[in-house]
Amino acid sequence: MSPKDLLLALVVIVVWGMNFVVIKVGLEDIPPMLLGALRFMLAAFPAVFFIRRPQLPLRWLFAYGATISLGQFAFLFYAMNVGMPAGLASLVLQSQAFFTLFFAALFLGERLRASNLIGLLIAAGGLLLIGLQGDRSMTLAGFVLTICAASMWALGNIVTRKVGKVNLVGLVVWGSLIPPLPFLALSWLLEGPVRIETALRGIGLDSILVLAYLSFGATILGYGLWSRLLSRYPAGTVAPFSLLVPVVGLTSAALLLDEHLGLLQTFGALLVMLGLVINVGGGWLLGRMRTALGHSSI
């Protein structure tokens, strides 16, 4: 990877890692479902007038918007609103990698490799430790809802695989047309018209900056740069960079929000990261070990 593209990859990781701190700040003034509606309204408009709609059936566009956009962020925003810390959210959400494996096996007939299963077991143990340490820094409801968000992200990944090679930025922008109305309906039901009106009347500079970051930074800029990297390099070269997202998320949450992990949560976080590393690079490592053993036996 060229130095310029390496820099772009790091920009994406920092933008996506900081995303969780920004969400936490935004939820202080805007209720979660309304925040979701506003985020995707701004992600869709005016970009849909300048970016061509991806050539795929409307049912798949709806499926993408309903899972990776509406489902994921409805659960994630609500999770962080009811007690999921920003740093841990950035880590636990990465369990989507393992949900994706199972959904791919279930819906696409893909086979699980030994490294996938080993990584899954290690990461599951880490998630269990994180979930067991229920203190004031994290609620069980927040933890479970974040797991639900990860599963919706994974379903969105399956939809993306089904539609094949399309312009990822176009898919994200046009898929952003799907969530606003359902988010507004959920906001009306769960948060009420009075709270919606109060939040909209009280929007200040901080909230505007949050919405700009979530819509243009984390969504359009992040996915735009990521799709550019995927178009230039093999997925196996680009995907491992996503392992740095929870590192940035945990670090930024500690520095900016004064979030600190308990002992069990720290150990669990390390296990989750180890599981993710094995899931991404374990197949290559096992292949190298078999080659080395084969040479040594000659």
C-alpha atoms as a PDB file:
ATOM      1  CA  MET A   1       0.000   0.000   0.000  1.00  0.00           C
ATOM      2  CA  SER A   2       1.375   3.405  -0.974  1.00  0.00           C
ATOM      3  CA  PRO A   3       2.122   5.968   1.783  1.00  0.00           C
ATOM      4  CA  LYS A   4      -0.766   8.129   0.547  1.00  0.00           C
ATOM      5  CA  ASP A   5      -3.279   5.279   0.705  1.00  0.00           C
ATOM      6  CA  LEU A   6      -1.909   4.182   4.068  1.00  0.00           C
ATOM      7  CA  LEU A   7      -2.601   7.707   5.329  1.00  0.00           C
ATOM      8  CA  LEU A   8      -6.149   7.528   3.913  1.00  0.00           C
ATOM      9  CA  ALA A   9      -6.712   4.209   5.702  1.00  0.00           C
ATOM     10  CA  LEU A  10      -5.587   5.747   8.985  1.00  0.00           C
ATOM     11  CA  VAL A  11      -7.889   8.735   8.410  1.00  0.00           C
ATOM     12  CA  VAL A  12     -10.843   6.365   8.033  1.00  0.00           C
ATOM     13  CA  ILE A  13      -9.886   4.457  11.195  1.00  0.00           C
ATOM     14  CA  VAL A  14      -9.597   7.655  13.241  1.00  0.00           C
ATOM     15  CA  VAL A  15     -12.893   9.031  11.874  1.00  0.00           C
ATOM     16  CA  TRP A  16     -14.739   5.762  12.573  1.00  0.00           C
ATOM     17  CA  GLY A  17     -13.069   5.296  15.961  1.00  0.00           C
ATOM     18  CA  MET A  18     -13.968   8.812  17.111  1.00  0.00           C
ATOM     19  CA  ASN A  19     -17.507   8.256  15.846  1.00  0.00           C
ATOM     20  CA  PHE A  20     -18.540   6.670  19.161  1.00  0.00           C
ATOM     21  CA  VAL A  21     -17.422   9.631  21.270  1.00  0.00           C
ATOM     22  CA  VAL A  22     -19.299  11.953  18.908  1.00  0.00           C
ATOM     23  CA  ILE A  23     -22.463   9.843  19.226  1.00  0.00           C
ATOM     24  CA  LYS A  24     -22.220  10.006  23.014  1.00  0.00           C
ATOM     25  CA  VAL A  25     -21.923  13.789  22.888  1.00  0.00           C
ATOM     26  CA  GLY A  26     -24.839  14.061  20.463  1.00  0.00           C
ATOM     27  CA  LEU A  27     -27.112  11.991  22.706  1.00  0.00           C
ATOM     28  CA  GLU A  28     -26.750  14.583  25.453  1.00  0.00           C
ATOM     29  CA  ASP A  29     -29.016  16.988  23.527  1.00  0.00           C
ATOM     30  CA  ILE A  30     -30.802  14.849  20.923  1.00  0.00           C
ATOM     31  CA  PRO A  31     -32.773  11.676  21.753  1.00  0.00           C
ATOM     32  CA  PRO A  32     -31.468   8.537  19.990  1.00  0.00           C
ATOM     33  CA  MET A  33     -34.193   7.896  17.419  1.00  0.00           C
ATOM     34  CA  LEU A  34     -34.348  11.552  16.408  1.00  0.00           C
ATOM     35  CA  LEU A  35     -30.552  11.582  16.139  1.00  0.00           C
ATOM     36  CA  GLY A  36     -30.784   8.622  13.753  1.00  0.00           C
ATOM     37  CA  ALA A  37     -33.389  10.356  11.611  1.00  0.00           C
ATOM     38  CA  LEU A  38     -31.370  13.569  11.341  1.00  0.00           C
ATOM     39  CA  ARG A  39     -28.135  11.718  10.635  1.00  0.00           C
ATOM     40  CA  PHE A  40     -29.504   9.825   7.651  1.00  0.00           C
ATOM     41  CA  MET A  41     -31.473  12.784   6.311  1.00  0.00           C
ATOM     42  CA  LEU A  42     -28.207  14.712   6.062  1.00  0.00           C
ATOM     43  CA  ALA A  43     -26.333  11.682   4.701  1.00  0.00           C
ATOM     44  CA  ALA A  44     -28.912  11.346   1.902  1.00  0.00           C
ATOM     45  CA  PHE A  45     -29.548  15.007   1.044  1.00  0.00           C
ATOM     46  CA  PRO A  46     -28.233  16.636  -1.014  1.00  0.00           C
ATOM     47  CA  ALA A  47     -25.836  13.783  -1.944  1.00  0.00           C
ATOM     48  CA  VAL A  48     -28.538  11.772  -3.798  1.00  0.00           C
ATOM     49  CA  PHE A  49     -28.743  14.544  -6.384  1.00  0.00           C
ATOM     50  CA  PHE A  50     -25.039  14.172  -7.252  1.00  0.00           C
ATOM     51  CA  ILE A  51     -24.339  10.448  -6.771  1.00  0.00           C
ATOM     52  CA  ARG A  52     -25.842   7.918  -9.150  1.00  0.00           C
ATOM     53  CA  ARG A  53     -28.109   5.239  -7.705  1.00  0.00           C
ATOM     54  CA  PRO A  54     -26.376   1.845  -7.658  1.00  0.00           C
ATOM     55  CA  GLN A  55     -27.696  -0.576 -10.241  1.00  0.00           C
ATOM     56  CA  LEU A  56     -29.471  -3.108  -8.045  1.00  0.00           C
ATOM     57  CA  PRO A  57     -33.104  -4.098  -7.426  1.00  0.00           C
ATOM     58  CA  LEU A  58     -34.991  -1.825  -5.031  1.00  0.00           C
ATOM     59  CA  ARG A  59     -35.655  -4.726  -2.654  1.00  0.00           C
ATOM     60  CA  TRP A  60     -31.917  -5.043  -2.003  1.00  0.00           C
ATOM     61  CA  LEU A  61     -31.562  -1.305  -1.498  1.00  0.00           C
ATOM     62  CA  PHE A  62     -34.367  -1.469   1.067  1.00  0.00           C
ATOM     63  CA  ALA A  63     -32.766  -4.515   2.699  1.00  0.00           C
ATOM     64  CA  TYR A  64     -29.446  -2.677   3.001  1.00  0.00           C
ATOM     65  CA  GLY A  65     -31.021   0.464   4.439  1.00  0.00           C
ATOM     66  CA  ALA A  66     -33.172  -1.525   6.858  1.00  0.00           C
ATOM     67  CA  THR A  67     -30.276  -3.539   8.281  1.00  0.00           C
ATOM     68  CA  ILE A  68     -26.932  -1.787   8.192  1.00  0.00           C
ATOM     69  CA  SER A  69     -28.418   1.716   8.522  1.00  0.00           C
ATOM     70  CA  LEU A  70     -31.750   1.576  10.392  1.00  0.00           C
ATOM     71  CA  GLY A  71     -31.286  -1.623  12.392  1.00  0.00           C
ATOM     72  CA  GLN A  72     -27.676  -1.141  13.360  1.00  0.00           C
ATOM     73  CA  PHE A  73     -27.935   2.468  14.449  1.00  0.00           C
ATOM     74  CA  ALA A  74     -31.349   2.217  16.096  1.00  0.00           C
ATOM     75  CA  PHE A  75     -29.924  -0.434  18.410  1.00  0.00           C
ATOM     76  CA  LEU A  76     -26.541   1.291  18.815  1.00  0.00           C
ATOM     77  CA  PHE A  77     -27.916   4.773  19.557  1.00  0.00           C
ATOM     78  CA  TYR A  78     -30.427   3.375  22.029  1.00  0.00           C
ATOM     79  CA  ALA A  79     -27.733   1.203  23.632  1.00  0.00           C
ATOM     80  CA  MET A  80     -25.482   4.207  24.197  1.00  0.00           C
ATOM     81  CA  ASN A  81     -28.455   6.188  25.485  1.00  0.00           C
ATOM     82  CA  VAL A  82     -29.209   3.580  28.169  1.00  0.00           C
ATOM     83  CA  GLY A  83     -25.705   3.074  29.463  1.00  0.00           C
ATOM     84  CA  MET A  84     -23.290   1.575  26.918  1.00  0.00           C
ATOM     85  CA  PRO A  85     -19.964   3.434  27.133  1.00  0.00           C
ATOM     86  CA  ALA A  86     -18.568   4.798  23.876  1.00  0.00           C
ATOM     87  CA  GLY A  87     -15.275   2.898  24.102  1.00  0.00           C
ATOM     88  CA  LEU A  88     -16.844  -0.471  24.828  1.00  0.00           C
ATOM     89  CA  ALA A  89     -19.462   0.129  22.127  1.00  0.00           C
ATOM     90  CA  SER A  90     -16.676   0.520  19.552  1.00  0.00           C
ATOM     91  CA  LEU A  91     -15.266  -2.846  20.649  1.00  0.00           C
ATOM     92  CA  VAL A  92     -18.420  -4.914  21.165  1.00  0.00           C
ATOM     93  CA  LEU A  93     -19.822  -3.740  17.823  1.00  0.00           C
ATOM     94  CA  GLN A  94     -16.908  -5.540  16.132  1.00  0.00           C
ATOM     95  CA  SER A  95     -18.596  -8.820  17.033  1.00  0.00           C
ATOM     96  CA  GLN A  96     -20.346  -8.207  13.692  1.00  0.00           C
ATOM     97  CA  ALA A  97     -17.403 -10.046  12.132  1.00  0.00           C
ATOM     98  CA  PHE A  98     -18.502 -13.284  13.774  1.00  0.00           C
ATOM     99  CA  PHE A  99     -22.215 -12.761  13.127  1.00  0.00           C
ATOM    100  CA  THR A 100     -21.258 -12.231   9.482  1.00  0.00           C
ATOM    101  CA  LEU A 101     -19.494 -15.598   9.422  1.00  0.00           C
ATOM    102  CA  PHE A 102     -22.568 -17.408  10.739  1.00  0.00           C
ATOM    103  CA  PHE A 103     -25.010 -15.565   8.496  1.00  0.00           C
ATOM    104  CA  ALA A 104     -22.752 -16.239   5.496  1.00  0.00           C
ATOM    105  CA  ALA A 105     -22.759 -19.940   6.367  1.00  0.00           C
ATOM    106  CA  LEU A 106     -26.536 -19.906   6.878  1.00  0.00           C
ATOM    107  CA  PHE A 107     -27.638 -17.832   3.891  1.00  0.00           C
ATOM    108  CA  LEU A 108     -24.749 -18.089   1.427  1.00  0.00           C
ATOM    109  CA  GLY A 109     -23.480 -21.600   2.122  1.00  0.00           C
ATOM    110  CA  GLU A 110     -19.972 -20.411   2.984  1.00  0.00           C
ATOM    111  CA  ARG A 111     -17.805 -22.719   5.075  1.00  0.00           C
ATOM    112  CA  LEU A 112     -16.307 -21.750   8.426  1.00  0.00           C
ATOM    113  CA  ARG A 113     -12.556 -22.250   8.724  1.00  0.00           C
ATOM    114  CA  ALA A 114     -10.830 -23.532  11.839  1.00  0.00           C
ATOM    115  CA  SER A 115      -9.299 -20.072  12.439  1.00  0.00           C
ATOM    116  CA  ASN A 116     -12.791 -18.524  12.327  1.00  0.00           C
ATOM    117  CA  LEU A 117     -14.075 -20.886  15.008  1.00  0.00           C
ATOM    118  CA  ILE A 118     -11.004 -20.390  17.220  1.00  0.00           C
ATOM    119  CA  GLY A 119     -11.294 -16.609  16.903  1.00  0.00           C
ATOM    120  CA  LEU A 120     -15.026 -16.795  17.624  1.00  0.00           C
ATOM    121  CA  LEU A 121     -14.564 -18.825  20.811  1.00  0.00           C
ATOM    122  CA  ILE A 122     -11.857 -16.494  22.124  1.00  0.00           C
ATOM    123  CA  ALA A 123     -13.871 -13.350  21.304  1.00  0.00           C
ATOM    124  CA  ALA A 124     -17.048 -14.874  22.783  1.00  0.00           C
ATOM    125  CA  GLY A 125     -15.170 -15.471  26.026  1.00  0.00           C
ATOM    126  CA  GLY A 126     -14.065 -11.839  25.995  1.00  0.00           C
ATOM    127  CA  LEU A 127     -17.617 -10.607  25.387  1.00  0.00           C
ATOM    128  CA  LEU A 128     -18.836 -12.796  28.249  1.00  0.00           C
ATOM    129  CA  LEU A 129     -16.316 -11.212  30.611  1.00  0.00           C
ATOM    130  CA  ILE A 130     -17.338  -7.724  29.473  1.00  0.00           C
ATOM    131  CA  GLY A 131     -21.003  -8.558  29.994  1.00  0.00           C
ATOM    132  CA  LEU A 132     -20.392 -10.057  33.433  1.00  0.00           C
ATOM    133  CA  GLN A 133     -18.885  -6.858  34.821  1.00  0.00           C
ATOM    134  CA  GLY A 134     -22.112  -4.979  35.301  1.00  0.00           C
ATOM    135  CA  ASP A 135     -21.337  -1.711  37.051  1.00  0.00           C
ATOM    136  CA  ARG A 136     -22.340   1.892  36.701  1.00  0.00           C
ATOM    137  CA  SER A 137     -20.062   2.291  33.669  1.00  0.00           C
ATOM    138  CA  MET A 138     -22.099  -0.188  31.604  1.00  0.00           C
ATOM    139  CA  THR A 139     -25.661  -1.495  31.777  1.00  0.00           C
ATOM    140  CA  LEU A 140     -26.724  -4.977  30.712  1.00  0.00           C
ATOM    141  CA  ALA A 141     -29.392  -3.449  28.462  1.00  0.00           C
ATOM    142  CA  GLY A 142     -26.768  -1.339  26.708  1.00  0.00           C
ATOM    143  CA  PHE A 143     -24.526  -4.361  26.211  1.00  0.00           C
ATOM    144  CA  VAL A 144     -27.327  -6.551  24.778  1.00  0.00           C
ATOM    145  CA  LEU A 145     -28.553  -3.788  22.460  1.00  0.00           C
ATOM    146  CA  THR A 146     -25.010  -3.311  21.133  1.00  0.00           C
ATOM    147  CA  ILE A 147     -24.850  -7.035  20.348  1.00  0.00           C
ATOM    148  CA  CYS A 148     -28.155  -6.598  18.472  1.00  0.00           C
ATOM    149  CA  ALA A 149     -26.608  -3.682  16.556  1.00  0.00           C
ATOM    150  CA  ALA A 150     -23.678  -5.914  15.587  1.00  0.00           C
ATOM    151  CA  SER A 151     -26.055  -8.585  14.287  1.00  0.00           C
ATOM    152  CA  MET A 152     -27.860  -6.021  12.119  1.00  0.00           C
ATOM    153  CA  TRP A 153     -24.539  -4.808  10.722  1.00  0.00           C
ATOM    154  CA  ALA A 154     -23.727  -8.414   9.875  1.00  0.00           C
ATOM    155  CA  LEU A 155     -27.043  -8.872   8.054  1.00  0.00           C
ATOM    156  CA  GLY A 156     -26.225  -5.736   6.090  1.00  0.00           C
ATOM    157  CA  ASN A 157     -22.883  -7.305   5.155  1.00  0.00           C
ATOM    158  CA  ILE A 158     -24.742 -10.317   3.757  1.00  0.00           C
ATOM    159  CA  VAL A 159     -26.963  -7.996   1.709  1.00  0.00           C
ATOM    160  CA  THR A 160     -23.837  -6.256   0.395  1.00  0.00           C
ATOM    161  CA  ARG A 161     -22.387  -9.608  -0.686  1.00  0.00           C
ATOM    162  CA  LYS A 162     -25.640 -10.567  -2.390  1.00  0.00           C
ATOM    163  CA  VAL A 163     -25.773  -7.401  -4.488  1.00  0.00           C
ATOM    164  CA  GLY A 164     -22.201  -7.943  -5.683  1.00  0.00           C
ATOM    165  CA  LYS A 165     -19.891  -5.224  -6.918  1.00  0.00           C
ATOM    166  CA  VAL A 166     -21.611  -1.862  -6.740  1.00  0.00           C
ATOM    167  CA  ASN A 167     -20.404   1.620  -5.924  1.00  0.00           C
ATOM    168  CA  LEU A 168     -20.196   1.544  -2.132  1.00  0.00           C
ATOM    169  CA  VAL A 169     -20.640   5.296  -1.729  1.00  0.00           C
ATOM    170  CA  GLY A 170     -23.765   5.191  -3.901  1.00  0.00           C
ATOM    171  CA  LEU A 171     -25.103   2.271  -1.868  1.00  0.00           C
ATOM    172  CA  VAL A 172     -24.532   4.141   1.406  1.00  0.00           C
ATOM    173  CA  VAL A 173     -26.033   7.418   0.159  1.00  0.00           C
ATOM    174  CA  TRP A 174     -29.099   5.895  -1.504  1.00  0.00           C
ATOM    175  CA  GLY A 175     -29.492   3.421   1.335  1.00  0.00           C
ATOM    176  CA  SER A 176     -29.670   6.440   3.658  1.00  0.00           C
ATOM    177  CA  LEU A 177     -33.053   7.295   2.123  1.00  0.00           C
ATOM    178  CA  ILE A 178     -34.587   4.278   3.881  1.00  0.00           C
ATOM    179  CA  PRO A 179     -34.031   4.992   7.626  1.00  0.00           C
ATOM    180  CA  PRO A 180     -35.326   8.584   8.197  1.00  0.00           C
ATOM    181  CA  LEU A 181     -39.090   7.861   8.160  1.00  0.00           C
ATOM    182  CA  PRO A 182     -38.860   4.706  10.348  1.00  0.00           C
ATOM    183  CA  PHE A 183     -36.546   6.594  12.712  1.00  0.00           C
ATOM    184  CA  LEU A 184     -39.047   9.467  12.919  1.00  0.00           C
ATOM    185  CA  ALA A 185     -41.872   7.004  13.605  1.00  0.00           C
ATOM    186  CA  LEU A 186     -39.820   5.362  16.377  1.00  0.00           C
ATOM    187  CA  SER A 187     -38.960   8.773  17.782  1.00  0.00           C
ATOM    188  CA  TRP A 188     -42.640   9.752  17.840  1.00  0.00           C
ATOM    189  CA  LEU A 189     -43.571   6.508  19.633  1.00  0.00           C
ATOM    190  CA  LEU A 190     -40.635   6.209  22.039  1.00  0.00           C
ATOM    191  CA  GLU A 191     -39.630   9.815  22.648  1.00  0.00           C
ATOM    192  CA  GLY A 192     -42.829  11.723  22.035  1.00  0.00           C
ATOM    193  CA  PRO A 193     -43.639  14.916  20.130  1.00  0.00           C
ATOM    194  CA  VAL A 194     -42.798  17.172  23.096  1.00  0.00           C
ATOM    195  CA  ARG A 195     -39.264  15.823  23.389  1.00  0.00           C
ATOM    196  CA  ILE A 196     -38.802  16.012  19.619  1.00  0.00           C
ATOM    197  CA  GLU A 197     -39.887  19.649  19.550  1.00  0.00           C
ATOM    198  CA  THR A 198     -37.721  20.527  22.544  1.00  0.00           C
ATOM    199  CA  ALA A 199     -34.664  18.883  20.974  1.00  0.00           C
ATOM    200  CA  LEU A 200     -35.181  20.576  17.602  1.00  0.00           C
ATOM    201  CA  ARG A 201     -35.729  23.996  19.187  1.00  0.00           C
ATOM    202  CA  GLY A 202     -32.647  23.571  21.358  1.00  0.00           C
ATOM    203  CA  ILE A 203     -30.218  22.466  18.651  1.00  0.00           C
ATOM    204  CA  GLY A 204     -27.022  24.432  19.110  1.00  0.00           C
ATOM    205  CA  LEU A 205     -23.591  24.523  17.508  1.00  0.00           C
ATOM    206  CA  ASP A 206     -22.455  21.344  19.293  1.00  0.00           C
ATOM    207  CA  SER A 207     -25.404  19.367  17.926  1.00  0.00           C
ATOM    208  CA  ILE A 208     -24.886  20.751  14.416  1.00  0.00           C
ATOM    209  CA  LEU A 209     -21.229  19.708  14.505  1.00  0.00           C
ATOM    210  CA  VAL A 210     -22.210  16.244  15.765  1.00  0.00           C
ATOM    211  CA  LEU A 211     -24.698  15.788  12.913  1.00  0.00           C
ATOM    212  CA  ALA A 212     -22.158  17.039  10.368  1.00  0.00           C
ATOM    213  CA  TYR A 213     -19.558  14.599  11.670  1.00  0.00           C
ATOM    214  CA  LEU A 214     -21.932  11.611  11.687  1.00  0.00           C
ATOM    215  CA  SER A 215     -23.427  12.366   8.285  1.00  0.00           C
ATOM    216  CA  PHE A 216     -20.548  13.680   6.224  1.00  0.00           C
ATOM    217  CA  GLY A 217     -17.529  12.434   8.165  1.00  0.00           C
ATOM    218  CA  ALA A 218     -18.357   8.948   9.435  1.00  0.00           C
ATOM    219  CA  THR A 219     -20.816   8.127   6.645  1.00  0.00           C
ATOM    220  CA  ILE A 220     -19.889   9.755   3.324  1.00  0.00           C
ATOM    221  CA  LEU A 221     -16.172  10.509   3.850  1.00  0.00           C
ATOM    222  CA  GLY A 222     -15.492   7.270   5.746  1.00  0.00           C
ATOM    223  CA  TYR A 223     -17.229   4.953   3.296  1.00  0.00           C
ATOM    224  CA  GLY A 224     -15.975   6.949   0.326  1.00  0.00           C
ATOM    225  CA  LEU A 225     -12.332   6.522   1.307  1.00  0.00           C
ATOM    226  CA  TRP A 226     -12.899   2.903   2.340  1.00  0.00           C
ATOM    227  CA  SER A 227     -14.450   2.025  -1.029  1.00  0.00           C
ATOM    228  CA  ARG A 228     -11.525   3.704  -2.787  1.00  0.00           C
ATOM    229  CA  LEU A 229      -9.081   1.513  -0.868  1.00  0.00           C
ATOM    230  CA  LEU A 230     -11.120  -1.628  -1.589  1.00  0.00           C
ATOM    231  CA  SER A 231     -11.087  -0.776  -5.291  1.00  0.00           C
ATOM    232  CA  ARG A 232      -7.290  -0.539  -5.306  1.00  0.00           C
ATOM    233  CA  TYR A 233      -6.207  -3.344  -2.973  1.00  0.00           C
ATOM    234  CA  PRO A 234      -7.370  -6.860  -2.051  1.00  0.00           C
ATOM    235  CA  ALA A 235      -9.898  -7.046   0.792  1.00  0.00           C
ATOM    236  CA  GLY A 236      -7.349  -9.008   2.824  1.00  0.00           C
ATOM    237  CA  THR A 237      -5.027  -5.997   2.716  1.00  0.00           C
ATOM    238  CA  VAL A 238      -7.664  -3.413   3.645  1.00  0.00           C
ATOM    239  CA  ALA A 239      -9.882  -5.288   6.146  1.00  0.00           C
ATOM    240  CA  PRO A 240      -7.268  -5.677   8.927  1.00  0.00           C
ATOM    241  CA  PHE A 241      -7.186  -1.902   9.350  1.00  0.00           C
ATOM    242  CA  SER A 242     -10.708  -2.115  10.828  1.00  0.00           C
ATOM    243  CA  LEU A 243      -9.141  -3.834  13.867  1.00  0.00           C
ATOM    244  CA  LEU A 244      -7.784  -0.409  14.833  1.00  0.00           C
ATOM    245  CA  VAL A 245     -11.280   1.116  15.135  1.00  0.00           C
ATOM    246  CA  PRO A 246     -11.900  -0.134  18.716  1.00  0.00           C
ATOM    247  CA  VAL A 247      -8.347   0.878  19.665  1.00  0.00           C
ATOM    248  CA  VAL A 248      -9.129   4.453  18.621  1.00  0.00           C
ATOM    249  CA  GLY A 249     -12.602   4.189  20.165  1.00  0.00           C
ATOM    250  CA  LEU A 250     -11.355   3.012  23.559  1.00  0.00           C
ATOM    251  CA  THR A 251      -8.486   5.523  23.599  1.00  0.00           C
ATOM    252  CA  SER A 252     -10.582   8.526  22.575  1.00  0.00           C
ATOM    253  CA  ALA A 253     -13.306   7.606  25.084  1.00  0.00           C
ATOM    254  CA  ALA A 254     -10.719   7.404  27.866  1.00  0.00           C
ATOM    255  CA  LEU A 255      -9.139  10.746  26.932  1.00  0.00           C
ATOM    256  CA  LEU A 256     -12.256  12.741  26.066  1.00  0.00           C
ATOM    257  CA  LEU A 257     -15.024  11.149  28.167  1.00  0.00           C
ATOM    258  CA  ASP A 258     -12.942   9.857  31.067  1.00  0.00           C
ATOM    259  CA  GLU A 259     -14.205   6.306  30.498  1.00  0.00           C
ATOM    260  CA  HIS A 260     -12.187   3.587  32.184  1.00  0.00           C
ATOM    261  CA  LEU A 261     -12.510  -0.180  31.943  1.00  0.00           C
ATOM    262  CA  GLY A 262     -12.761  -2.461  34.941  1.00  0.00           C
ATOM    263  CA  LEU A 263     -10.364  -5.383  35.320  1.00  0.00           C
ATOM    264  CA  LEU A 264     -12.728  -7.949  33.763  1.00  0.00           C
ATOM    265  CA  GLN A 265     -13.636  -5.537  30.967  1.00  0.00           C
ATOM    266  CA  THR A 266      -9.961  -4.901  30.190  1.00  0.00           C
ATOM    267  CA  PHE A 267      -9.200  -8.618  30.025  1.00  0.00           C
ATOM    268  CA  GLY A 268     -12.353  -9.192  27.989  1.00  0.00           C
ATOM    269  CA  ALA A 269     -11.393  -6.404  25.569  1.00  0.00           C
ATOM    270  CA  LEU A 270      -7.996  -8.003  25.019  1.00  0.00           C
ATOM    271  CA  LEU A 271      -9.635 -11.367  24.315  1.00  0.00           C
ATOM    272  CA  VAL A 272     -12.051  -9.804  21.822  1.00  0.00           C
ATOM    273  CA  MET A 273      -9.162  -8.106  20.007  1.00  0.00           C
ATOM    274  CA  LEU A 274      -7.200 -11.374  19.973  1.00  0.00           C
ATOM    275  CA  GLY A 275     -10.232 -13.192  18.580  1.00  0.00           C
ATOM    276  CA  LEU A 276     -10.632 -10.577  15.834  1.00  0.00           C
ATOM    277  CA  VAL A 277      -6.941 -10.823  14.916  1.00  0.00           C
ATOM    278  CA  ILE A 278      -7.160 -14.625  14.689  1.00  0.00           C
ATOM    279  CA  ASN A 279     -10.332 -14.349  12.612  1.00  0.00           C
ATOM    280  CA  VAL A 280      -8.660 -11.995  10.126  1.00  0.00           C
ATOM    281  CA  GLY A 281      -5.154 -13.468   9.995  1.00  0.00           C
ATOM    282  CA  GLY A 282      -5.502 -16.951  11.451  1.00  0.00           C
ATOM    283  CA  GLY A 283      -5.992 -18.660   8.096  1.00  0.00           C
ATOM    284  CA  TRP A 284      -2.758 -17.171   6.771  1.00  0.00           C
ATOM    285  CA  LEU A 285      -0.902 -18.146   9.964  1.00  0.00           C
ATOM    286  CA  LEU A 286      -2.186 -21.743   9.861  1.00  0.00           C
ATOM    287  CA  GLY A 287      -1.167 -21.968   6.214  1.00  0.00           C
ATOM    288  CA  ARG A 288       2.346 -20.773   7.033  1.00  0.00           C
ATOM    289  CA  MET A 289       2.582 -23.278   9.886  1.00  0.00           C
ATOM    290  CA  ARG A 290       1.494 -26.155   7.623  1.00  0.00           C
ATOM    291  CA  THR A 291       4.051 -25.092   5.007  1.00  0.00           C
ATOM    292  CA  ALA A 292       6.789 -24.907   7.626  1.00  0.00           C
ATOM    293  CA  LEU A 293       5.875 -28.316   9.010  1.00  0.00           C
ATOM    294  CA  GLY A 294       5.768 -29.748   5.491  1.00  0.00           C
ATOM    295  CA  HIS A 295       9.268 -28.476   4.727  1.00  0.00           C
ATOM    296  CA  SER A 296      10.615 -29.731   8.058  1.00  0.00           C
ATOM    297  CA  SER A 297       9.291 -33.230   7.374  1.00  0.00           C
ATOM    298  CA  ILE A 298      11.092 -33.505   4.043  1.00  0.00           C
END
